[in-house]
mmCIF file of all heavy atoms, coordinates in Angstrom:
data_MODEL
# 
_entry.id   MODEL 
# 
loop_
_atom_site.group_PDB 
_atom_site.id 
_atom_site.type_symbol 
_atom_site.label_atom_id 
_atom_site.label_alt_id 
_atom_site.label_comp_id 
_atom_site.label_asym_id 
_atom_site.label_entity_id 
_atom_site.label_seq_id 
_atom_site.pdbx_PDB_ins_code 
_atom_site.Cartn_x 
_atom_site.Cartn_y 
_atom_site.Cartn_z 
_atom_site.occupancy 
_atom_site.B_iso_or_equiv 
_atom_site.pdbx_formal_charge 
_atom_site.auth_seq_id 
_atom_site.auth_comp_id 
_atom_site.auth_asym_id 
_atom_site.auth_atom_id 
_atom_site.pdbx_PDB_model_num 
ATOM 1   N N   . SER A 1 1  ? -58.992 -25.970 -15.233 1.00 0.00 ? 1  SER A N   1 
ATOM 2   C CA  . SER A 1 1  ? -59.382 -25.413 -13.933 1.00 0.00 ? 1  SER A CA  1 
ATOM 3   C C   . SER A 1 1  ? -60.678 -24.621 -14.063 1.00 0.00 ? 1  SER A C   1 
ATOM 4   O O   . SER A 1 1  ? -61.559 -24.695 -13.203 1.00 0.00 ? 1  SER A O   1 
ATOM 5   C CB  . SER A 1 1  ? -58.267 -24.510 -13.390 1.00 0.00 ? 1  SER A CB  1 
ATOM 6   O OG  . SER A 1 1  ? -57.053 -25.213 -13.287 1.00 0.00 ? 1  SER A OG  1 
ATOM 7   N N   . GLU A 1 2  ? -60.790 -23.867 -15.139 1.00 0.00 ? 2  GLU A N   1 
ATOM 8   C CA  . GLU A 1 2  ? -62.004 -23.099 -15.411 1.00 0.00 ? 2  GLU A CA  1 
ATOM 9   C C   . GLU A 1 2  ? -63.207 -24.035 -15.523 1.00 0.00 ? 2  GLU A C   1 
ATOM 10  O O   . GLU A 1 2  ? -64.274 -23.777 -14.937 1.00 0.00 ? 2  GLU A O   1 
ATOM 11  C CB  . GLU A 1 2  ? -61.824 -22.304 -16.699 1.00 0.00 ? 2  GLU A CB  1 
ATOM 12  C CG  . GLU A 1 2  ? -63.038 -21.496 -17.117 1.00 0.00 ? 2  GLU A CG  1 
ATOM 13  C CD  . GLU A 1 2  ? -62.863 -20.854 -18.482 1.00 0.00 ? 2  GLU A CD  1 
ATOM 14  O OE1 . GLU A 1 2  ? -62.560 -21.590 -19.443 1.00 0.00 ? 2  GLU A OE1 1 
ATOM 15  O OE2 . GLU A 1 2  ? -63.034 -19.627 -18.585 1.00 0.00 ? 2  GLU A OE2 1 
ATOM 16  N N   . PHE A 1 3  ? -63.035 -25.138 -16.238 1.00 0.00 ? 3  PHE A N   1 
ATOM 17  C CA  . PHE A 1 3  ? -64.120 -26.098 -16.401 1.00 0.00 ? 3  PHE A CA  1 
ATOM 18  C C   . PHE A 1 3  ? -64.532 -26.706 -15.061 1.00 0.00 ? 3  PHE A C   1 
ATOM 19  O O   . PHE A 1 3  ? -65.733 -26.858 -14.778 1.00 0.00 ? 3  PHE A O   1 
ATOM 20  C CB  . PHE A 1 3  ? -63.700 -27.202 -17.377 1.00 0.00 ? 3  PHE A CB  1 
ATOM 21  C CG  . PHE A 1 3  ? -64.699 -28.317 -17.501 1.00 0.00 ? 3  PHE A CG  1 
ATOM 22  C CD1 . PHE A 1 3  ? -65.932 -28.087 -18.096 1.00 0.00 ? 3  PHE A CD1 1 
ATOM 23  C CD2 . PHE A 1 3  ? -64.422 -29.577 -17.015 1.00 0.00 ? 3  PHE A CD2 1 
ATOM 24  C CE1 . PHE A 1 3  ? -66.870 -29.109 -18.214 1.00 0.00 ? 3  PHE A CE1 1 
ATOM 25  C CE2 . PHE A 1 3  ? -65.350 -30.604 -17.123 1.00 0.00 ? 3  PHE A CE2 1 
ATOM 26  C CZ  . PHE A 1 3  ? -66.574 -30.367 -17.720 1.00 0.00 ? 3  PHE A CZ  1 
ATOM 27  N N   . LEU A 1 4  ? -63.566 -27.039 -14.221 1.00 0.00 ? 4  LEU A N   1 
ATOM 28  C CA  . LEU A 1 4  ? -63.885 -27.611 -12.916 1.00 0.00 ? 4  LEU A CA  1 
ATOM 29  C C   . LEU A 1 4  ? -64.652 -26.615 -12.055 1.00 0.00 ? 4  LEU A C   1 
ATOM 30  O O   . LEU A 1 4  ? -65.616 -26.984 -11.366 1.00 0.00 ? 4  LEU A O   1 
ATOM 31  C CB  . LEU A 1 4  ? -62.606 -28.056 -12.213 1.00 0.00 ? 4  LEU A CB  1 
ATOM 32  C CG  . LEU A 1 4  ? -62.800 -28.787 -10.877 1.00 0.00 ? 4  LEU A CG  1 
ATOM 33  C CD1 . LEU A 1 4  ? -63.642 -30.045 -11.058 1.00 0.00 ? 4  LEU A CD1 1 
ATOM 34  C CD2 . LEU A 1 4  ? -61.452 -29.143 -10.260 1.00 0.00 ? 4  LEU A CD2 1 
ATOM 35  N N   . GLN A 1 5  ? -64.247 -25.348 -12.088 1.00 0.00 ? 5  GLN A N   1 
ATOM 36  C CA  . GLN A 1 5  ? -64.960 -24.311 -11.334 1.00 0.00 ? 5  GLN A CA  1 
ATOM 37  C C   . GLN A 1 5  ? -66.409 -24.196 -11.812 1.00 0.00 ? 5  GLN A C   1 
ATOM 38  O O   . GLN A 1 5  ? -67.325 -24.038 -11.011 1.00 0.00 ? 5  GLN A O   1 
ATOM 39  C CB  . GLN A 1 5  ? -64.250 -22.965 -11.497 1.00 0.00 ? 5  GLN A CB  1 
ATOM 40  C CG  . GLN A 1 5  ? -62.897 -22.882 -10.839 1.00 0.00 ? 5  GLN A CG  1 
ATOM 41  C CD  . GLN A 1 5  ? -62.994 -22.557 -9.370  1.00 0.00 ? 5  GLN A CD  1 
ATOM 42  O OE1 . GLN A 1 5  ? -63.521 -21.518 -8.960  1.00 0.00 ? 5  GLN A OE1 1 
ATOM 43  N NE2 . GLN A 1 5  ? -62.492 -23.452 -8.542  1.00 0.00 ? 5  GLN A NE2 1 
ATOM 44  N N   . PHE A 1 6  ? -66.603 -24.278 -13.123 1.00 0.00 ? 6  PHE A N   1 
ATOM 45  C CA  . PHE A 1 6  ? -67.961 -24.231 -13.668 1.00 0.00 ? 6  PHE A CA  1 
ATOM 46  C C   . PHE A 1 6  ? -68.767 -25.449 -13.225 1.00 0.00 ? 6  PHE A C   1 
ATOM 47  O O   . PHE A 1 6  ? -69.917 -25.321 -12.790 1.00 0.00 ? 6  PHE A O   1 
ATOM 48  C CB  . PHE A 1 6  ? -67.897 -24.160 -15.202 1.00 0.00 ? 6  PHE A CB  1 
ATOM 49  C CG  . PHE A 1 6  ? -69.229 -24.300 -15.877 1.00 0.00 ? 6  PHE A CG  1 
ATOM 50  C CD1 . PHE A 1 6  ? -70.166 -23.276 -15.815 1.00 0.00 ? 6  PHE A CD1 1 
ATOM 51  C CD2 . PHE A 1 6  ? -69.554 -25.464 -16.564 1.00 0.00 ? 6  PHE A CD2 1 
ATOM 52  C CE1 . PHE A 1 6  ? -71.407 -23.404 -16.424 1.00 0.00 ? 6  PHE A CE1 1 
ATOM 53  C CE2 . PHE A 1 6  ? -70.787 -25.602 -17.183 1.00 0.00 ? 6  PHE A CE2 1 
ATOM 54  C CZ  . PHE A 1 6  ? -71.715 -24.572 -17.111 1.00 0.00 ? 6  PHE A CZ  1 
ATOM 55  N N   . ALA A 1 7  ? -68.177 -26.632 -13.324 1.00 0.00 ? 7  ALA A N   1 
ATOM 56  C CA  . ALA A 1 7  ? -68.880 -27.864 -12.949 1.00 0.00 ? 7  ALA A CA  1 
ATOM 57  C C   . ALA A 1 7  ? -69.264 -27.866 -11.470 1.00 0.00 ? 7  ALA A C   1 
ATOM 58  O O   . ALA A 1 7  ? -70.278 -28.463 -11.082 1.00 0.00 ? 7  ALA A O   1 
ATOM 59  C CB  . ALA A 1 7  ? -68.005 -29.074 -13.272 1.00 0.00 ? 7  ALA A CB  1 
ATOM 60  N N   . GLN A 1 8  ? -68.483 -27.163 -10.650 1.00 0.00 ? 8  GLN A N   1 
ATOM 61  C CA  . GLN A 1 8  ? -68.767 -27.069 -9.209  1.00 0.00 ? 8  GLN A CA  1 
ATOM 62  C C   . GLN A 1 8  ? -69.745 -25.948 -8.880  1.00 0.00 ? 8  GLN A C   1 
ATOM 63  O O   . GLN A 1 8  ? -70.075 -25.734 -7.708  1.00 0.00 ? 8  GLN A O   1 
ATOM 64  C CB  . GLN A 1 8  ? -67.465 -26.868 -8.437  1.00 0.00 ? 8  GLN A CB  1 
ATOM 65  C CG  . GLN A 1 8  ? -66.527 -28.069 -8.488  1.00 0.00 ? 8  GLN A CG  1 
ATOM 66  C CD  . GLN A 1 8  ? -65.188 -27.788 -7.833  1.00 0.00 ? 8  GLN A CD  1 
ATOM 67  O OE1 . GLN A 1 8  ? -64.807 -26.625 -7.629  1.00 0.00 ? 8  GLN A OE1 1 
ATOM 68  N NE2 . GLN A 1 8  ? -64.453 -28.835 -7.509  1.00 0.00 ? 8  GLN A NE2 1 
ATOM 69  N N   . GLY A 1 9  ? -70.200 -25.211 -9.887  1.00 0.00 ? 9  GLY A N   1 
ATOM 70  C CA  . GLY A 1 9  ? -71.155 -24.132 -9.659  1.00 0.00 ? 9  GLY A CA  1 
ATOM 71  C C   . GLY A 1 9  ? -70.539 -22.832 -9.221  1.00 0.00 ? 9  GLY A C   1 
ATOM 72  O O   . GLY A 1 9  ? -71.249 -21.912 -8.792  1.00 0.00 ? 9  GLY A O   1 
ATOM 73  N N   . LYS A 1 10 ? -69.219 -22.695 -9.323  1.00 0.00 ? 10 LYS A N   1 
ATOM 74  C CA  . LYS A 1 10 ? -68.543 -21.477 -8.882  1.00 0.00 ? 10 LYS A CA  1 
ATOM 75  C C   . LYS A 1 10 ? -68.422 -20.446 -10.005 1.00 0.00 ? 10 LYS A C   1 
ATOM 76  O O   . LYS A 1 10 ? -68.042 -19.298 -9.754  1.00 0.00 ? 10 LYS A O   1 
ATOM 77  C CB  . LYS A 1 10 ? -67.151 -21.830 -8.334  1.00 0.00 ? 10 LYS A CB  1 
ATOM 78  C CG  . LYS A 1 10 ? -67.221 -22.704 -7.082  1.00 0.00 ? 10 LYS A CG  1 
ATOM 79  C CD  . LYS A 1 10 ? -65.837 -23.096 -6.595  1.00 0.00 ? 10 LYS A CD  1 
ATOM 80  C CE  . LYS A 1 10 ? -65.936 -23.999 -5.365  1.00 0.00 ? 10 LYS A CE  1 
ATOM 81  N NZ  . LYS A 1 10 ? -64.610 -24.441 -4.894  1.00 0.00 ? 10 LYS A NZ  1 
ATOM 82  N N   . LEU A 1 11 ? -68.707 -20.856 -11.234 1.00 0.00 ? 11 LEU A N   1 
ATOM 83  C CA  . LEU A 1 11 ? -68.827 -19.951 -12.369 1.00 0.00 ? 11 LEU A CA  1 
ATOM 84  C C   . LEU A 1 11 ? -70.203 -20.157 -12.981 1.00 0.00 ? 11 LEU A C   1 
ATOM 85  O O   . LEU A 1 11 ? -70.726 -21.279 -12.974 1.00 0.00 ? 11 LEU A O   1 
ATOM 86  C CB  . LEU A 1 11 ? -67.746 -20.224 -13.423 1.00 0.00 ? 11 LEU A CB  1 
ATOM 87  C CG  . LEU A 1 11 ? -66.293 -19.986 -13.021 1.00 0.00 ? 11 LEU A CG  1 
ATOM 88  C CD1 . LEU A 1 11 ? -65.358 -20.444 -14.128 1.00 0.00 ? 11 LEU A CD1 1 
ATOM 89  C CD2 . LEU A 1 11 ? -66.036 -18.520 -12.695 1.00 0.00 ? 11 LEU A CD2 1 
ATOM 90  N N   . ASP A 1 12 ? -70.789 -19.099 -13.520 1.00 0.00 ? 12 ASP A N   1 
ATOM 91  C CA  . ASP A 1 12 ? -72.152 -19.195 -14.037 1.00 0.00 ? 12 ASP A CA  1 
ATOM 92  C C   . ASP A 1 12 ? -72.233 -19.606 -15.495 1.00 0.00 ? 12 ASP A C   1 
ATOM 93  O O   . ASP A 1 12 ? -73.289 -20.048 -15.946 1.00 0.00 ? 12 ASP A O   1 
ATOM 94  C CB  . ASP A 1 12 ? -72.873 -17.854 -13.842 1.00 0.00 ? 12 ASP A CB  1 
ATOM 95  C CG  . ASP A 1 12 ? -73.162 -17.587 -12.379 1.00 0.00 ? 12 ASP A CG  1 
ATOM 96  O OD1 . ASP A 1 12 ? -73.727 -18.477 -11.721 1.00 0.00 ? 12 ASP A OD1 1 
ATOM 97  O OD2 . ASP A 1 12 ? -72.802 -16.498 -11.887 1.00 0.00 ? 12 ASP A OD2 1 
ATOM 98  N N   . PHE A 1 13 ? -71.139 -19.470 -16.231 1.00 0.00 ? 13 PHE A N   1 
ATOM 99  C CA  . PHE A 1 13 ? -71.167 -19.950 -17.611 1.00 0.00 ? 13 PHE A CA  1 
ATOM 100 C C   . PHE A 1 13 ? -69.767 -20.146 -18.157 1.00 0.00 ? 13 PHE A C   1 
ATOM 101 O O   . PHE A 1 13 ? -68.783 -19.610 -17.622 1.00 0.00 ? 13 PHE A O   1 
ATOM 102 C CB  . PHE A 1 13 ? -72.012 -19.032 -18.480 1.00 0.00 ? 13 PHE A CB  1 
ATOM 103 C CG  . PHE A 1 13 ? -71.257 -17.995 -19.292 1.00 0.00 ? 13 PHE A CG  1 
ATOM 104 C CD1 . PHE A 1 13 ? -71.431 -17.930 -20.663 1.00 0.00 ? 13 PHE A CD1 1 
ATOM 105 C CD2 . PHE A 1 13 ? -70.410 -17.087 -18.692 1.00 0.00 ? 13 PHE A CD2 1 
ATOM 106 C CE1 . PHE A 1 13 ? -70.764 -16.977 -21.424 1.00 0.00 ? 13 PHE A CE1 1 
ATOM 107 C CE2 . PHE A 1 13 ? -69.750 -16.131 -19.439 1.00 0.00 ? 13 PHE A CE2 1 
ATOM 108 C CZ  . PHE A 1 13 ? -69.924 -16.082 -20.812 1.00 0.00 ? 13 PHE A CZ  1 
ATOM 109 N N   . LEU A 1 14 ? -69.687 -20.972 -19.179 1.00 0.00 ? 14 LEU A N   1 
ATOM 110 C CA  . LEU A 1 14 ? -68.458 -21.198 -19.941 1.00 0.00 ? 14 LEU A CA  1 
ATOM 111 C C   . LEU A 1 14 ? -68.725 -20.777 -21.377 1.00 0.00 ? 14 LEU A C   1 
ATOM 112 O O   . LEU A 1 14 ? -69.780 -21.067 -21.926 1.00 0.00 ? 14 LEU A O   1 
ATOM 113 C CB  . LEU A 1 14 ? -68.075 -22.677 -19.947 1.00 0.00 ? 14 LEU A CB  1 
ATOM 114 C CG  . LEU A 1 14 ? -67.229 -23.253 -18.824 1.00 0.00 ? 14 LEU A CG  1 
ATOM 115 C CD1 . LEU A 1 14 ? -66.970 -24.726 -19.117 1.00 0.00 ? 14 LEU A CD1 1 
ATOM 116 C CD2 . LEU A 1 14 ? -65.925 -22.512 -18.662 1.00 0.00 ? 14 LEU A CD2 1 
ATOM 117 N N   . ASN A 1 15 ? -67.731 -20.150 -21.985 1.00 0.00 ? 15 ASN A N   1 
ATOM 118 C CA  . ASN A 1 15 ? -67.923 -19.665 -23.347 1.00 0.00 ? 15 ASN A CA  1 
ATOM 119 C C   . ASN A 1 15 ? -67.033 -20.382 -24.351 1.00 0.00 ? 15 ASN A C   1 
ATOM 120 O O   . ASN A 1 15 ? -67.103 -20.099 -25.534 1.00 0.00 ? 15 ASN A O   1 
ATOM 121 C CB  . ASN A 1 15 ? -67.633 -18.161 -23.408 1.00 0.00 ? 15 ASN A CB  1 
ATOM 122 C CG  . ASN A 1 15 ? -67.793 -17.604 -24.798 1.00 0.00 ? 15 ASN A CG  1 
ATOM 123 O OD1 . ASN A 1 15 ? -68.892 -17.606 -25.346 1.00 0.00 ? 15 ASN A OD1 1 
ATOM 124 N ND2 . ASN A 1 15 ? -66.710 -17.145 -25.402 1.00 0.00 ? 15 ASN A ND2 1 
ATOM 125 N N   . SER A 1 16 ? -66.222 -21.304 -23.893 1.00 0.00 ? 16 SER A N   1 
ATOM 126 C CA  . SER A 1 16 ? -65.277 -21.935 -24.806 1.00 0.00 ? 16 SER A CA  1 
ATOM 127 C C   . SER A 1 16 ? -65.404 -23.447 -24.748 1.00 0.00 ? 16 SER A C   1 
ATOM 128 O O   . SER A 1 16 ? -65.953 -24.003 -23.801 1.00 0.00 ? 16 SER A O   1 
ATOM 129 C CB  . SER A 1 16 ? -63.840 -21.528 -24.442 1.00 0.00 ? 16 SER A CB  1 
ATOM 130 O OG  . SER A 1 16 ? -63.533 -21.921 -23.118 1.00 0.00 ? 16 SER A OG  1 
ATOM 131 N N   . LEU A 1 17 ? -64.899 -24.092 -25.778 1.00 0.00 ? 17 LEU A N   1 
ATOM 132 C CA  . LEU A 1 17 ? -64.885 -25.552 -25.836 1.00 0.00 ? 17 LEU A CA  1 
ATOM 133 C C   . LEU A 1 17 ? -63.449 -25.973 -26.082 1.00 0.00 ? 17 LEU A C   1 
ATOM 134 O O   . LEU A 1 17 ? -62.944 -25.897 -27.194 1.00 0.00 ? 17 LEU A O   1 
ATOM 135 C CB  . LEU A 1 17 ? -65.797 -26.057 -26.954 1.00 0.00 ? 17 LEU A CB  1 
ATOM 136 C CG  . LEU A 1 17 ? -65.953 -27.570 -27.058 1.00 0.00 ? 17 LEU A CG  1 
ATOM 137 C CD1 . LEU A 1 17 ? -66.652 -28.124 -25.824 1.00 0.00 ? 17 LEU A CD1 1 
ATOM 138 C CD2 . LEU A 1 17 ? -66.727 -27.947 -28.312 1.00 0.00 ? 17 LEU A CD2 1 
ATOM 139 N N   . ASP A 1 18 ? -62.786 -26.414 -25.026 1.00 0.00 ? 18 ASP A N   1 
ATOM 140 C CA  . ASP A 1 18 ? -61.387 -26.792 -25.120 1.00 0.00 ? 18 ASP A CA  1 
ATOM 141 C C   . ASP A 1 18 ? -61.255 -28.293 -25.356 1.00 0.00 ? 18 ASP A C   1 
ATOM 142 O O   . ASP A 1 18 ? -62.081 -29.083 -24.871 1.00 0.00 ? 18 ASP A O   1 
ATOM 143 C CB  . ASP A 1 18 ? -60.649 -26.395 -23.835 1.00 0.00 ? 18 ASP A CB  1 
ATOM 144 C CG  . ASP A 1 18 ? -59.150 -26.501 -23.972 1.00 0.00 ? 18 ASP A CG  1 
ATOM 145 O OD1 . ASP A 1 18 ? -58.571 -25.712 -24.741 1.00 0.00 ? 18 ASP A OD1 1 
ATOM 146 O OD2 . ASP A 1 18 ? -58.555 -27.384 -23.319 1.00 0.00 ? 18 ASP A OD2 1 
ATOM 147 N N   . ASN A 1 19 ? -60.211 -28.682 -26.088 1.00 0.00 ? 19 ASN A N   1 
ATOM 148 C CA  . ASN A 1 19 ? -60.007 -30.103 -26.364 1.00 0.00 ? 19 ASN A CA  1 
ATOM 149 C C   . ASN A 1 19 ? -59.862 -30.933 -25.101 1.00 0.00 ? 19 ASN A C   1 
ATOM 150 O O   . ASN A 1 19 ? -60.144 -32.125 -25.099 1.00 0.00 ? 19 ASN A O   1 
ATOM 151 C CB  . ASN A 1 19 ? -58.760 -30.292 -27.248 1.00 0.00 ? 19 ASN A CB  1 
ATOM 152 C CG  . ASN A 1 19 ? -58.999 -29.896 -28.691 1.00 0.00 ? 19 ASN A CG  1 
ATOM 153 O OD1 . ASN A 1 19 ? -60.134 -29.893 -29.159 1.00 0.00 ? 19 ASN A OD1 1 
ATOM 154 N ND2 . ASN A 1 19 ? -57.935 -29.557 -29.406 1.00 0.00 ? 19 ASN A ND2 1 
ATOM 155 N N   . SER A 1 20 ? -59.418 -30.295 -24.011 1.00 0.00 ? 20 SER A N   1 
ATOM 156 C CA  . SER A 1 20 ? -59.183 -31.039 -22.776 1.00 0.00 ? 20 SER A CA  1 
ATOM 157 C C   . SER A 1 20 ? -60.478 -31.561 -22.141 1.00 0.00 ? 20 SER A C   1 
ATOM 158 O O   . SER A 1 20 ? -60.442 -32.510 -21.362 1.00 0.00 ? 20 SER A O   1 
ATOM 159 C CB  . SER A 1 20 ? -58.434 -30.160 -21.766 1.00 0.00 ? 20 SER A CB  1 
ATOM 160 O OG  . SER A 1 20 ? -59.216 -29.035 -21.394 1.00 0.00 ? 20 SER A OG  1 
ATOM 161 N N   . TYR A 1 21 ? -61.618 -30.949 -22.479 1.00 0.00 ? 21 TYR A N   1 
ATOM 162 C CA  . TYR A 1 21 ? -62.868 -31.416 -21.859 1.00 0.00 ? 21 TYR A CA  1 
ATOM 163 C C   . TYR A 1 21 ? -64.043 -31.508 -22.845 1.00 0.00 ? 21 TYR A C   1 
ATOM 164 O O   . TYR A 1 21 ? -65.171 -31.791 -22.441 1.00 0.00 ? 21 TYR A O   1 
ATOM 165 C CB  . TYR A 1 21 ? -63.257 -30.516 -20.682 1.00 0.00 ? 21 TYR A CB  1 
ATOM 166 C CG  . TYR A 1 21 ? -63.488 -29.060 -21.017 1.00 0.00 ? 21 TYR A CG  1 
ATOM 167 C CD1 . TYR A 1 21 ? -64.667 -28.627 -21.613 1.00 0.00 ? 21 TYR A CD1 1 
ATOM 168 C CD2 . TYR A 1 21 ? -62.532 -28.097 -20.702 1.00 0.00 ? 21 TYR A CD2 1 
ATOM 169 C CE1 . TYR A 1 21 ? -64.889 -27.300 -21.914 1.00 0.00 ? 21 TYR A CE1 1 
ATOM 170 C CE2 . TYR A 1 21 ? -62.739 -26.755 -20.998 1.00 0.00 ? 21 TYR A CE2 1 
ATOM 171 C CZ  . TYR A 1 21 ? -63.919 -26.367 -21.605 1.00 0.00 ? 21 TYR A CZ  1 
ATOM 172 O OH  . TYR A 1 21 ? -64.128 -25.040 -21.897 1.00 0.00 ? 21 TYR A OH  1 
ATOM 173 N N   . LYS A 1 22 ? -63.812 -31.278 -24.128 1.00 0.00 ? 22 LYS A N   1 
ATOM 174 C CA  . LYS A 1 22 ? -64.940 -31.243 -25.066 1.00 0.00 ? 22 LYS A CA  1 
ATOM 175 C C   . LYS A 1 22 ? -65.712 -32.563 -25.102 1.00 0.00 ? 22 LYS A C   1 
ATOM 176 O O   . LYS A 1 22 ? -66.941 -32.561 -25.188 1.00 0.00 ? 22 LYS A O   1 
ATOM 177 C CB  . LYS A 1 22 ? -64.478 -30.843 -26.470 1.00 0.00 ? 22 LYS A CB  1 
ATOM 178 C CG  . LYS A 1 22 ? -63.598 -31.823 -27.215 1.00 0.00 ? 22 LYS A CG  1 
ATOM 179 C CD  . LYS A 1 22 ? -63.210 -31.259 -28.583 1.00 0.00 ? 22 LYS A CD  1 
ATOM 180 C CE  . LYS A 1 22 ? -62.282 -32.175 -29.345 1.00 0.00 ? 22 LYS A CE  1 
ATOM 181 N NZ  . LYS A 1 22 ? -62.904 -33.427 -29.781 1.00 0.00 ? 22 LYS A NZ  1 
ATOM 182 N N   . ASP A 1 23 ? -65.014 -33.706 -25.023 1.00 0.00 ? 23 ASP A N   1 
ATOM 183 C CA  . ASP A 1 23 ? -65.714 -34.990 -25.060 1.00 0.00 ? 23 ASP A CA  1 
ATOM 184 C C   . ASP A 1 23 ? -66.407 -35.298 -23.738 1.00 0.00 ? 23 ASP A C   1 
ATOM 185 O O   . ASP A 1 23 ? -67.343 -36.102 -23.691 1.00 0.00 ? 23 ASP A O   1 
ATOM 186 C CB  . ASP A 1 23 ? -64.733 -36.115 -25.396 1.00 0.00 ? 23 ASP A CB  1 
ATOM 187 C CG  . ASP A 1 23 ? -64.170 -35.974 -26.812 1.00 0.00 ? 23 ASP A CG  1 
ATOM 188 O OD1 . ASP A 1 23 ? -64.933 -35.511 -27.684 1.00 0.00 ? 23 ASP A OD1 1 
ATOM 189 O OD2 . ASP A 1 23 ? -62.999 -36.302 -27.035 1.00 0.00 ? 23 ASP A OD2 1 
ATOM 190 N N   . GLU A 1 24 ? -65.946 -34.648 -22.668 1.00 0.00 ? 24 GLU A N   1 
ATOM 191 C CA  . GLU A 1 24 ? -66.567 -34.830 -21.357 1.00 0.00 ? 24 GLU A CA  1 
ATOM 192 C C   . GLU A 1 24 ? -67.939 -34.182 -21.298 1.00 0.00 ? 24 GLU A C   1 
ATOM 193 O O   . GLU A 1 24 ? -68.875 -34.731 -20.723 1.00 0.00 ? 24 GLU A O   1 
ATOM 194 C CB  . GLU A 1 24 ? -65.652 -34.227 -20.281 1.00 0.00 ? 24 GLU A CB  1 
ATOM 195 C CG  . GLU A 1 24 ? -66.291 -34.014 -18.911 1.00 0.00 ? 24 GLU A CG  1 
ATOM 196 C CD  . GLU A 1 24 ? -66.536 -35.308 -18.148 1.00 0.00 ? 24 GLU A CD  1 
ATOM 197 O OE1 . GLU A 1 24 ? -65.962 -36.350 -18.528 1.00 0.00 ? 24 GLU A OE1 1 
ATOM 198 O OE2 . GLU A 1 24 ? -67.311 -35.276 -17.176 1.00 0.00 ? 24 GLU A OE2 1 
# 
């Protein structure tokens, strides 16, 4: 959910790399 919020521009940065989206 955090990643989707970031991809939509609702968060300004991500600090982690989770297995659920790392290859994406």
